Amino acid sequence: MTTATSIPQIVKDCRGQMDKAIESSKREFSGIRSGKASPSMLDTVRVDMYGSQMALNQVASVSTPEPRVIIVTPFDKGQIKVIEKAIRESDLGLEPSAQGNIIRVPLPQMNEQRRKELVKVVHKLAEEGRIAVRHARTMAREQLKKLNGVSEDDVKHAEKDLQKVHDDYMHKIDDLLKHKEAEIMEV
């Protein structure tokens, strides 16, 4: 965050950070599908290549030719084992298998246990969203304390406003979580 000069600017910046947290949570949730295969399911997979952590879609193309199978085609065919390992070790519970120049990722049948595992993953992602919202509030509070020429009452009112904004965003994350949980548990 840049150094804000007024209370409204600090609150606005804080809202912006919280909006980013909500969008990030939505993106993460969209990567978790209950039944049908989707290329975005693998968006959270990170591959250790060329000395850095890279998103899977930066090192391979991802497609879904069938409803229950994802096909991953590495750009660098020499890295097929590294990509296969990254998918296997992600917390998505998938069992990829290399076949020639591609990696087939069949989706496991959605049994009760698998659904519960996915719900746990979604809860973890929701908590990351909540942490980002809390962090934005904390940063804004610190900026409020550093303001010069502002009365203590104004700062206290601004902190109350920040708390309201914080609570609204927490409710938004909880609503997203409820909807995603219901989608996963739907048989």
Protein backbone atom coordinates (compact mmCIF):
# COMPACT_ATOMS: atom_id res chain seq x y z
CA MET A 1 0.00 0.00 0.00
CA THR A 2 1.16 3.51 -0.70
CA THR A 3 1.24 6.03 2.08
CA ALA A 4 -2.26 7.45 2.26
CA THR A 5 -2.79 11.01 3.42
CA SER A 6 -6.41 10.93 4.56
CA ILE A 7 -8.81 8.64 6.39
CA PRO A 8 -11.10 8.14 3.33
CA GLN A 9 -8.06 7.23 1.23
CA ILE A 10 -6.87 4.68 3.82
CA VAL A 11 -10.34 3.09 3.98
CA LYS A 12 -10.54 3.04 0.16
CA ASP A 13 -7.10 1.38 -0.12
CA CYS A 14 -8.13 -1.14 2.53
CA ARG A 15 -11.31 -1.98 0.59
CA GLY A 16 -9.19 -2.45 -2.54
CA GLN A 17 -6.93 -4.93 -0.74
CA MET A 18 -9.96 -6.78 0.63
CA ASP A 19 -11.53 -6.91 -2.86
CA LYS A 20 -8.33 -8.55 -4.09
CA ALA A 21 -8.59 -11.12 -1.27
CA ILE A 22 -12.19 -11.95 -2.29
CA GLU A 23 -11.23 -12.27 -5.99
CA SER A 24 -8.31 -14.50 -5.06
CA SER A 25 -10.61 -16.73 -2.99
CA LYS A 26 -13.10 -16.95 -5.88
CA ARG A 27 -10.27 -17.91 -8.25
CA GLU A 28 -8.96 -20.56 -5.85
CA PHE A 29 -12.48 -21.97 -5.31
CA SER A 30 -13.11 -22.15 -9.06
CA GLY A 31 -10.13 -24.49 -9.33
CA ILE A 32 -11.90 -27.04 -7.16
CA ARG A 33 -14.52 -28.96 -9.07
CA SER A 34 -16.67 -31.67 -7.65
CA GLY A 35 -17.51 -33.80 -10.65
CA LYS A 36 -16.53 -32.54 -14.08
CA ALA A 37 -12.95 -31.98 -15.22
CA SER A 38 -11.87 -28.39 -15.86
CA PRO A 39 -8.44 -27.02 -16.84
CA SER A 40 -8.70 -24.49 -13.99
CA MET A 41 -8.63 -27.39 -11.49
CA LEU A 42 -4.85 -27.43 -11.85
CA ASP A 43 -4.36 -23.64 -11.52
CA THR A 44 -3.07 -24.02 -7.95
CA VAL A 45 -0.39 -26.57 -8.94
CA ARG A 46 3.15 -25.17 -8.75
CA VAL A 47 6.00 -26.87 -10.60
CA ASP A 48 9.64 -26.59 -9.47
CA MET A 49 11.33 -25.89 -12.82
CA TYR A 50 14.41 -24.02 -13.92
CA GLY A 51 15.18 -23.12 -10.30
CA SER A 52 11.86 -21.48 -9.46
CA GLN A 53 8.24 -22.28 -8.61
CA MET A 54 6.10 -21.84 -11.72
CA ALA A 55 2.37 -22.14 -12.35
CA LEU A 56 1.48 -25.31 -14.25
CA ASN A 57 -0.07 -23.33 -17.13
CA GLN A 58 3.33 -21.62 -17.66
CA VAL A 59 5.08 -24.93 -18.32
CA ALA A 60 2.34 -26.98 -20.00
CA SER A 61 -0.97 -26.74 -21.82
CA VAL A 62 -3.97 -28.15 -19.96
CA SER A 63 -7.09 -29.48 -21.69
CA THR A 64 -10.15 -31.59 -20.87
CA PRO A 65 -11.04 -33.79 -23.86
CA GLU A 66 -13.32 -35.96 -21.72
CA PRO A 67 -15.57 -35.05 -18.74
CA ARG A 68 -13.47 -37.06 -16.25
CA VAL A 69 -9.93 -36.67 -17.67
CA ILE A 70 -7.48 -33.77 -17.78
CA ILE A 71 -4.64 -33.90 -20.32
CA VAL A 72 -1.42 -32.00 -19.52
CA THR A 73 1.02 -31.47 -22.40
CA PRO A 74 4.40 -30.14 -21.19
CA PHE A 75 6.08 -27.50 -23.39
CA ASP A 76 9.45 -29.06 -22.48
CA LYS A 77 9.07 -32.82 -22.95
CA GLY A 78 12.13 -33.42 -20.74
CA GLN A 79 10.22 -32.07 -17.74
CA ILE A 80 7.32 -34.55 -17.90
CA LYS A 81 8.35 -36.39 -14.68
CA VAL A 82 8.75 -33.12 -12.74
CA ILE A 83 5.27 -31.96 -13.79
CA GLU A 84 3.72 -35.37 -13.04
CA LYS A 85 5.28 -35.29 -9.55
CA ALA A 86 4.00 -31.73 -8.90
CA ILE A 87 0.42 -32.76 -9.77
CA ARG A 88 0.65 -35.88 -7.61
CA GLU A 89 2.04 -33.94 -4.61
CA SER A 90 -0.54 -31.13 -4.84
CA ASP A 91 -3.33 -31.34 -2.26
CA LEU A 92 -5.87 -32.11 -5.00
CA GLY A 93 -5.67 -35.89 -4.51
CA LEU A 94 -5.03 -36.68 -8.18
CA GLU A 95 -3.07 -39.63 -9.64
CA PRO A 96 -1.45 -38.50 -12.91
CA SER A 97 0.23 -40.94 -15.29
CA ALA A 98 2.72 -40.06 -18.01
CA GLN A 99 1.90 -41.59 -21.39
CA GLY A 100 4.36 -40.65 -24.11
CA ASN A 101 4.53 -36.86 -24.37
CA ILE A 102 1.39 -36.20 -22.30
CA ILE A 103 0.21 -36.67 -18.73
CA ARG A 104 -3.28 -38.12 -18.24
CA VAL A 105 -4.98 -37.03 -15.01
CA PRO A 106 -8.15 -39.07 -14.43
CA LEU A 107 -10.54 -37.56 -11.91
CA PRO A 108 -11.29 -39.87 -9.01
CA GLN A 109 -14.90 -40.93 -8.54
CA MET A 110 -16.53 -38.55 -6.10
CA ASN A 111 -17.22 -40.65 -3.03
CA GLU A 112 -18.13 -39.28 0.38
CA GLN A 113 -14.51 -39.35 1.58
CA ARG A 114 -13.27 -37.49 -1.51
CA ARG A 115 -15.97 -34.84 -1.07
CA LYS A 116 -14.94 -34.34 2.57
CA GLU A 117 -11.28 -34.00 1.51
CA LEU A 118 -12.23 -31.30 -1.00
CA VAL A 119 -14.30 -29.49 1.63
CA LYS A 120 -11.18 -29.42 3.86
CA VAL A 121 -9.17 -27.92 0.99
CA VAL A 122 -11.87 -25.28 0.44
CA HIS A 123 -11.88 -24.43 4.17
CA LYS A 124 -8.09 -23.97 4.03
CA LEU A 125 -8.42 -21.66 1.01
CA ALA A 126 -11.19 -19.68 2.75
CA GLU A 127 -8.94 -19.23 5.78
CA GLU A 128 -6.21 -17.84 3.49
CA GLY A 129 -8.77 -15.33 2.22
CA ARG A 130 -9.72 -14.38 5.77
CA ILE A 131 -6.06 -13.88 6.64
CA ALA A 132 -5.64 -11.54 3.66
CA VAL A 133 -8.69 -9.51 4.77
CA ARG A 134 -7.36 -9.27 8.34
CA HIS A 135 -3.95 -8.24 7.01
CA ALA A 136 -5.52 -5.41 4.97
CA ARG A 137 -7.35 -4.18 8.09
CA THR A 138 -4.15 -4.32 10.17
CA MET A 139 -2.19 -2.36 7.54
CA ALA A 140 -4.94 0.30 7.40
CA ARG A 141 -4.98 0.59 11.21
CA GLU A 142 -1.23 1.14 11.24
CA GLN A 143 -1.61 3.88 8.62
CA LEU A 144 -4.36 5.53 10.67
CA LYS A 145 -2.07 5.66 13.73
CA LYS A 146 0.65 7.36 11.67
CA LEU A 147 -1.63 10.16 10.40
CA ASN A 148 -0.69 13.65 11.54
CA GLY A 149 -3.17 16.42 12.30
CA VAL A 150 -6.13 14.08 12.82
CA SER A 151 -8.07 13.93 16.08
CA GLU A 152 -8.19 10.74 18.15
CA ASP A 153 -11.98 10.68 17.72
CA ASP A 154 -11.65 10.69 13.93
CA VAL A 155 -9.16 7.83 14.13
CA LYS A 156 -11.50 5.87 16.44
CA HIS A 157 -14.45 6.42 14.06
CA ALA A 158 -12.28 5.33 11.12
CA GLU A 159 -11.26 2.18 13.03
CA LYS A 160 -14.94 1.37 13.63
CA ASP A 161 -15.61 1.86 9.90
CA LEU A 162 -12.68 -0.43 9.09
CA GLN A 163 -14.08 -3.06 11.44
CA LYS A 164 -17.47 -2.88 9.66
CA VAL A 165 -15.78 -3.23 6.27
CA HIS A 166 -13.72 -6.14 7.64
CA ASP A 167 -16.85 -7.89 8.95
CA ASP A 168 -18.64 -7.43 5.58
CA TYR A 169 -15.74 -9.03 3.73
CA MET A 170 -15.54 -11.90 6.23
CA HIS A 171 -19.25 -12.56 5.57
CA LYS A 172 -18.57 -12.54 1.81
CA ILE A 173 -15.87 -15.19 2.24
CA ASP A 174 -18.18 -17.26 4.48
CA ASP A 175 -20.93 -17.05 1.83
CA LEU A 176 -18.50 -18.15 -0.91
CA LEU A 177 -17.42 -21.02 1.33
CA LYS A 178 -21.01 -22.14 2.00
CA HIS A 179 -21.88 -22.14 -1.71
CA LYS A 180 -18.73 -24.05 -2.68
CA GLU A 181 -19.24 -26.56 0.14
CA ALA A 182 -22.83 -27.17 -1.00
CA GLU A 183 -21.63 -27.61 -4.62
CA ILE A 184 -19.03 -30.19 -3.54
CA MET A 185 -21.36 -32.15 -1.28
CA GLU A 186 -24.13 -32.25 -3.91
CA VAL A 187 -24.43 -35.82 -5.17
